[in-house]
Amino acid sequence: MCDAAEKDLYAVLGAGPSDSVQQLRHRYQQLALQYHPDRLGGGSSSEAESGVKKFLEVDAAWRILSDQSTRRQYDLQRRAQELKQDWPVDSTVYLEDMTWDQDEHVYTYSCRCGGGFNVSEGEVDEETQRRHQDDEEEETEEEEHRGVVVCCDTCSLSVCVTWSLHKKVQTLECQ
């Protein structure tokens, strides 16, 4: 379901999150008939190829949204992504100032409400690698700080956890 998080499955079906399963089924059936490979026989190969691609995209969206469990999981992931993108950042916290929890493999930082901000080692590694690749492609020479927006586990506050790309790479290589 990783690819699903990148595309809006509701938009693929031309539907919305509030639509019922019956409404989604109706949209799926319309699109499946429109883009089914058997109906695209006479066109150019590029048209047929894009039609098959669209059909597979519609079918994948339907498989996730037609099942109550996978739809709920998709909706939760979608909402989490929306919050991560739209959430206002209250302050910046440096990774070096966070507490490392060896057992859980997470960095933690206390929120003023009593809750906490948590960043997993995997998130830090993934963001560091992604940004490092971006830098190589762009061939930038400036030292940039990298970061992720993290929401408090109790209240509505969020922080941008940041670290120097080069320092994090060095610490990863030392481990």
C-alpha atoms as a PDB file:
ATOM      1  CA  MET A   1       0.000   0.000   0.000  1.00  0.00           C
ATOM      2  CA  CYS A   2       3.031   2.260  -0.184  1.00  0.00           C
ATOM      3  CA  ASP A   3       2.241   3.349  -3.741  1.00  0.00           C
ATOM      4  CA  ALA A   4      -1.317   4.109  -2.674  1.00  0.00           C
ATOM      5  CA  ALA A   5      -0.089   6.729  -0.251  1.00  0.00           C
ATOM      6  CA  GLU A   6       1.485   8.637  -3.149  1.00  0.00           C
ATOM      7  CA  LYS A   7      -1.737   8.809  -5.225  1.00  0.00           C
ATOM      8  CA  ASP A   8      -5.155   9.946  -4.135  1.00  0.00           C
ATOM      9  CA  LEU A   9      -7.131   6.760  -4.729  1.00  0.00           C
ATOM     10  CA  TYR A  10     -10.411   8.618  -4.467  1.00  0.00           C
ATOM     11  CA  ALA A  11      -9.316  10.941  -7.273  1.00  0.00           C
ATOM     12  CA  VAL A  12      -8.335   7.924  -9.386  1.00  0.00           C
ATOM     13  CA  LEU A  13     -11.951   6.754  -9.146  1.00  0.00           C
ATOM     14  CA  GLY A  14     -13.320  10.282  -9.513  1.00  0.00           C
ATOM     15  CA  ALA A  15     -14.896   9.984  -6.076  1.00  0.00           C
ATOM     16  CA  GLY A  16     -14.500  11.398  -2.590  1.00  0.00           C
ATOM     17  CA  PRO A  17     -13.792  10.031   0.898  1.00  0.00           C
ATOM     18  CA  SER A  18     -17.425  10.475   1.914  1.00  0.00           C
ATOM     19  CA  ASP A  19     -18.719   8.294  -0.939  1.00  0.00           C
ATOM     20  CA  SER A  20     -20.298   4.974  -0.028  1.00  0.00           C
ATOM     21  CA  VAL A  21     -18.950   1.636  -1.224  1.00  0.00           C
ATOM     22  CA  GLN A  22     -21.863   1.468  -3.684  1.00  0.00           C
ATOM     23  CA  GLN A  23     -20.903   4.856  -5.144  1.00  0.00           C
ATOM     24  CA  LEU A  24     -17.264   3.768  -5.387  1.00  0.00           C
ATOM     25  CA  ARG A  25     -18.328   0.506  -7.056  1.00  0.00           C
ATOM     26  CA  HIS A  26     -20.377   2.453  -9.618  1.00  0.00           C
ATOM     27  CA  ARG A  27     -17.414   4.724 -10.455  1.00  0.00           C
ATOM     28  CA  TYR A  28     -15.084   1.710 -10.629  1.00  0.00           C
ATOM     29  CA  GLN A  29     -17.395  -0.128 -13.020  1.00  0.00           C
ATOM     30  CA  GLN A  30     -17.696   2.907 -15.301  1.00  0.00           C
ATOM     31  CA  LEU A  31     -13.941   3.414 -15.438  1.00  0.00           C
ATOM     32  CA  ALA A  32     -13.184  -0.313 -15.781  1.00  0.00           C
ATOM     33  CA  LEU A  33     -15.472  -0.472 -18.823  1.00  0.00           C
ATOM     34  CA  GLN A  34     -13.941   2.669 -20.281  1.00  0.00           C
ATOM     35  CA  TYR A  35     -10.303   1.577 -19.893  1.00  0.00           C
ATOM     36  CA  HIS A  36     -10.542  -2.221 -20.101  1.00  0.00           C
ATOM     37  CA  PRO A  37      -7.866  -3.574 -22.474  1.00  0.00           C
ATOM     38  CA  ASP A  38     -10.459  -5.518 -24.499  1.00  0.00           C
ATOM     39  CA  ARG A  39     -12.260  -2.262 -25.338  1.00  0.00           C
ATOM     40  CA  LEU A  40      -9.085  -0.448 -26.417  1.00  0.00           C
ATOM     41  CA  GLY A  41      -8.141  -2.891 -29.176  1.00  0.00           C
ATOM     42  CA  GLY A  42      -8.074  -0.641 -32.272  1.00  0.00           C
ATOM     43  CA  GLY A  43      -6.035   2.353 -31.033  1.00  0.00           C
ATOM     44  CA  SER A  44      -2.351   3.089 -31.333  1.00  0.00           C
ATOM     45  CA  SER A  45       0.026   1.213 -29.100  1.00  0.00           C
ATOM     46  CA  SER A  46       0.701   4.283 -26.936  1.00  0.00           C
ATOM     47  CA  GLU A  47      -3.048   4.829 -26.419  1.00  0.00           C
ATOM     48  CA  ALA A  48      -3.539   1.155 -25.579  1.00  0.00           C
ATOM     49  CA  GLU A  49      -0.574   1.249 -23.209  1.00  0.00           C
ATOM     50  CA  SER A  50      -1.853   4.328 -21.368  1.00  0.00           C
ATOM     51  CA  GLY A  51      -5.341   2.772 -21.249  1.00  0.00           C
ATOM     52  CA  VAL A  52      -3.986  -0.402 -19.681  1.00  0.00           C
ATOM     53  CA  LYS A  53      -2.003   1.671 -17.198  1.00  0.00           C
ATOM     54  CA  LYS A  54      -5.135   3.645 -16.274  1.00  0.00           C
ATOM     55  CA  PHE A  55      -7.140   0.411 -15.974  1.00  0.00           C
ATOM     56  CA  LEU A  56      -4.558  -1.077 -13.599  1.00  0.00           C
ATOM     57  CA  GLU A  57      -4.533   2.151 -11.562  1.00  0.00           C
ATOM     58  CA  VAL A  58      -8.340   2.119 -11.278  1.00  0.00           C
ATOM     59  CA  ASP A  59      -8.326  -1.576 -10.357  1.00  0.00           C
ATOM     60  CA  ALA A  60      -5.675  -1.056  -7.646  1.00  0.00           C
ATOM     61  CA  ALA A  61      -7.656   1.861  -6.185  1.00  0.00           C
ATOM     62  CA  TRP A  62     -10.825  -0.241  -6.130  1.00  0.00           C
ATOM     63  CA  ARG A  63      -9.083  -3.165  -4.412  1.00  0.00           C
ATOM     64  CA  ILE A  64      -8.032  -0.915  -1.531  1.00  0.00           C
ATOM     65  CA  LEU A  65     -11.182   1.207  -1.251  1.00  0.00           C
ATOM     66  CA  SER A  66     -13.676  -1.654  -1.628  1.00  0.00           C
ATOM     67  CA  ASP A  67     -12.491  -3.444   1.525  1.00  0.00           C
ATOM     68  CA  GLN A  68     -13.519  -1.790   4.793  1.00  0.00           C
ATOM     69  CA  SER A  69     -10.268  -2.621   6.572  1.00  0.00           C
ATOM     70  CA  THR A  70      -7.859  -1.482   3.851  1.00  0.00           C
ATOM     71  CA  ARG A  71      -9.983   1.612   3.179  1.00  0.00           C
ATOM     72  CA  ARG A  72      -9.821   2.581   6.857  1.00  0.00           C
ATOM     73  CA  GLN A  73      -6.049   2.047   6.858  1.00  0.00           C
ATOM     74  CA  TYR A  74      -5.689   4.105   3.667  1.00  0.00           C
ATOM     75  CA  ASP A  75      -7.853   6.904   5.096  1.00  0.00           C
ATOM     76  CA  LEU A  76      -5.709   7.000   8.248  1.00  0.00           C
ATOM     77  CA  GLN A  77      -2.497   7.174   6.212  1.00  0.00           C
ATOM     78  CA  ARG A  78      -4.008   9.860   4.013  1.00  0.00           C
ATOM     79  CA  ARG A  79      -5.070  11.917   7.037  1.00  0.00           C
ATOM     80  CA  ALA A  80      -1.652  11.529   8.668  1.00  0.00           C
ATOM     81  CA  GLN A  81      -0.003  12.740   5.471  1.00  0.00           C
ATOM     82  CA  GLU A  82      -2.339  15.739   5.299  1.00  0.00           C
ATOM     83  CA  LEU A  83      -1.532  16.638   8.879  1.00  0.00           C
ATOM     84  CA  LYS A  84       2.173  16.251   8.286  1.00  0.00           C
ATOM     85  CA  GLN A  85       2.020  18.556   5.273  1.00  0.00           C
ATOM     86  CA  ASP A  86      -0.371  21.190   6.583  1.00  0.00           C
ATOM     87  CA  TRP A  87       0.500  21.294  10.252  1.00  0.00           C
ATOM     88  CA  PRO A  88       1.954  24.600  11.422  1.00  0.00           C
ATOM     89  CA  VAL A  89       5.417  24.276  12.908  1.00  0.00           C
ATOM     90  CA  ASP A  90       5.692  25.766  16.396  1.00  0.00           C
ATOM     91  CA  SER A  91       9.465  25.561  16.767  1.00  0.00           C
ATOM     92  CA  THR A  92      12.638  23.866  15.630  1.00  0.00           C
ATOM     93  CA  VAL A  93      14.329  21.142  17.661  1.00  0.00           C
ATOM     94  CA  TYR A  94      17.796  19.847  16.870  1.00  0.00           C
ATOM     95  CA  LEU A  95      18.250  16.098  16.766  1.00  0.00           C
ATOM     96  CA  GLU A  96      21.302  16.478  19.011  1.00  0.00           C
ATOM     97  CA  ASP A  97      19.020  17.954  21.720  1.00  0.00           C
ATOM     98  CA  MET A  98      16.665  14.981  21.672  1.00  0.00           C
ATOM     99  CA  THR A  99      17.014  11.938  23.920  1.00  0.00           C
ATOM    100  CA  TRP A 100      17.959   8.660  22.236  1.00  0.00           C
ATOM    101  CA  ASP A 101      15.951   5.625  23.409  1.00  0.00           C
ATOM    102  CA  GLN A 102      18.111   2.600  22.621  1.00  0.00           C
ATOM    103  CA  ASP A 103      15.334   0.067  23.335  1.00  0.00           C
ATOM    104  CA  GLU A 104      12.737   1.703  21.078  1.00  0.00           C
ATOM    105  CA  HIS A 105      15.227   3.114  18.524  1.00  0.00           C
ATOM    106  CA  VAL A 106      13.577   6.547  18.641  1.00  0.00           C
ATOM    107  CA  TYR A 107      14.630  10.078  19.448  1.00  0.00           C
ATOM    108  CA  THR A 108      12.297  11.753  21.957  1.00  0.00           C
ATOM    109  CA  TYR A 109      11.718  15.321  23.054  1.00  0.00           C
ATOM    110  CA  SER A 110       9.281  16.483  25.729  1.00  0.00           C
ATOM    111  CA  CYS A 111       6.453  18.821  24.792  1.00  0.00           C
ATOM    112  CA  ARG A 112       5.339  21.588  27.109  1.00  0.00           C
ATOM    113  CA  CYS A 113       1.945  19.840  27.472  1.00  0.00           C
ATOM    114  CA  GLY A 114       3.601  16.787  29.016  1.00  0.00           C
ATOM    115  CA  GLY A 115       3.418  14.725  25.833  1.00  0.00           C
ATOM    116  CA  GLY A 116       6.288  14.116  23.517  1.00  0.00           C
ATOM    117  CA  PHE A 117       7.696  14.312  20.028  1.00  0.00           C
ATOM    118  CA  ASN A 118       9.109  11.067  18.645  1.00  0.00           C
ATOM    119  CA  VAL A 119      11.256  10.479  15.577  1.00  0.00           C
ATOM    120  CA  SER A 120      12.273   6.929  14.736  1.00  0.00           C
ATOM    121  CA  GLU A 121      15.778   6.064  13.676  1.00  0.00           C
ATOM    122  CA  GLY A 122      14.284   4.820  10.400  1.00  0.00           C
ATOM    123  CA  GLU A 123      12.655   8.187   9.669  1.00  0.00           C
ATOM    124  CA  VAL A 124      15.933   9.996  10.275  1.00  0.00           C
ATOM    125  CA  ASP A 125      17.896   7.540   8.139  1.00  0.00           C
ATOM    126  CA  GLU A 126      15.328   7.627   5.332  1.00  0.00           C
ATOM    127  CA  GLU A 127      15.165  11.424   5.248  1.00  0.00           C
ATOM    128  CA  THR A 128      18.961  11.698   5.416  1.00  0.00           C
ATOM    129  CA  GLN A 129      19.412   9.293   2.515  1.00  0.00           C
ATOM    130  CA  ARG A 130      16.669  10.931   0.458  1.00  0.00           C
ATOM    131  CA  ARG A 131      18.092  14.402   0.970  1.00  0.00           C
ATOM    132  CA  HIS A 132      21.622  13.176   0.350  1.00  0.00           C
ATOM    133  CA  GLN A 133      20.491  11.778  -3.013  1.00  0.00           C
ATOM    134  CA  ASP A 134      18.699  15.051  -3.795  1.00  0.00           C
ATOM    135  CA  ASP A 135      21.912  16.955  -3.052  1.00  0.00           C
ATOM    136  CA  GLU A 136      23.942  14.691  -5.341  1.00  0.00           C
ATOM    137  CA  GLU A 137      21.453  15.204  -8.161  1.00  0.00           C
ATOM    138  CA  GLU A 138      21.408  18.977  -7.654  1.00  0.00           C
ATOM    139  CA  GLU A 139      25.155  19.131  -6.933  1.00  0.00           C
ATOM    140  CA  THR A 140      24.777  21.724  -4.206  1.00  0.00           C
ATOM    141  CA  GLU A 141      27.800  22.502  -2.088  1.00  0.00           C
ATOM    142  CA  GLU A 142      26.168  24.353   0.790  1.00  0.00           C
ATOM    143  CA  GLU A 143      25.775  22.662   4.165  1.00  0.00           C
ATOM    144  CA  GLU A 144      22.046  22.256   4.663  1.00  0.00           C
ATOM    145  CA  HIS A 145      20.117  21.217   7.706  1.00  0.00           C
ATOM    146  CA  ARG A 146      17.638  18.406   7.176  1.00  0.00           C
ATOM    147  CA  GLY A 147      14.452  17.798   9.047  1.00  0.00           C
ATOM    148  CA  VAL A 148      11.009  16.347   9.466  1.00  0.00           C
ATOM    149  CA  VAL A 149       7.849  17.808  10.965  1.00  0.00           C
ATOM    150  CA  VAL A 150       6.707  15.851  14.026  1.00  0.00           C
ATOM    151  CA  CYS A 151       3.415  16.241  15.879  1.00  0.00           C
ATOM    152  CA  CYS A 152       3.121  15.903  19.642  1.00  0.00           C
ATOM    153  CA  ASP A 153       1.561  12.618  20.691  1.00  0.00           C
ATOM    154  CA  THR A 154      -0.788  14.449  23.082  1.00  0.00           C
ATOM    155  CA  CYS A 155      -1.576  17.979  21.873  1.00  0.00           C
ATOM    156  CA  SER A 156      -1.725  19.883  18.593  1.00  0.00           C
ATOM    157  CA  LEU A 157       1.802  21.309  18.713  1.00  0.00           C
ATOM    158  CA  SER A 158       4.360  20.311  16.128  1.00  0.00           C
ATOM    159  CA  VAL A 159       8.067  20.873  15.706  1.00  0.00           C
ATOM    160  CA  CYS A 160      10.541  20.607  12.905  1.00  0.00           C
ATOM    161  CA  VAL A 161      13.256  18.197  13.977  1.00  0.00           C
ATOM    162  CA  THR A 162      16.393  19.130  12.093  1.00  0.00           C
ATOM    163  CA  TRP A 163      19.975  17.943  11.810  1.00  0.00           C
ATOM    164  CA  SER A 164      22.985  18.601   9.680  1.00  0.00           C
ATOM    165  CA  LEU A 165      23.117  16.203   6.773  1.00  0.00           C
ATOM    166  CA  HIS A 166      26.873  15.762   7.004  1.00  0.00           C
ATOM    167  CA  LYS A 167      26.919  15.236  10.772  1.00  0.00           C
ATOM    168  CA  LYS A 168      24.132  12.625  10.570  1.00  0.00           C
ATOM    169  CA  VAL A 169      25.894  10.781   7.746  1.00  0.00           C
ATOM    170  CA  GLN A 170      29.055  10.709   9.855  1.00  0.00           C
ATOM    171  CA  THR A 171      27.210   9.340  12.896  1.00  0.00           C
ATOM    172  CA  LEU A 172      25.526   6.686  10.754  1.00  0.00           C
ATOM    173  CA  GLU A 173      28.886   5.592   9.378  1.00  0.00           C
ATOM    174  CA  CYS A 174      30.332   5.322  12.900  1.00  0.00           C
ATOM    175  CA  GLN A 175      27.626   2.969  14.160  1.00  0.00           C
END
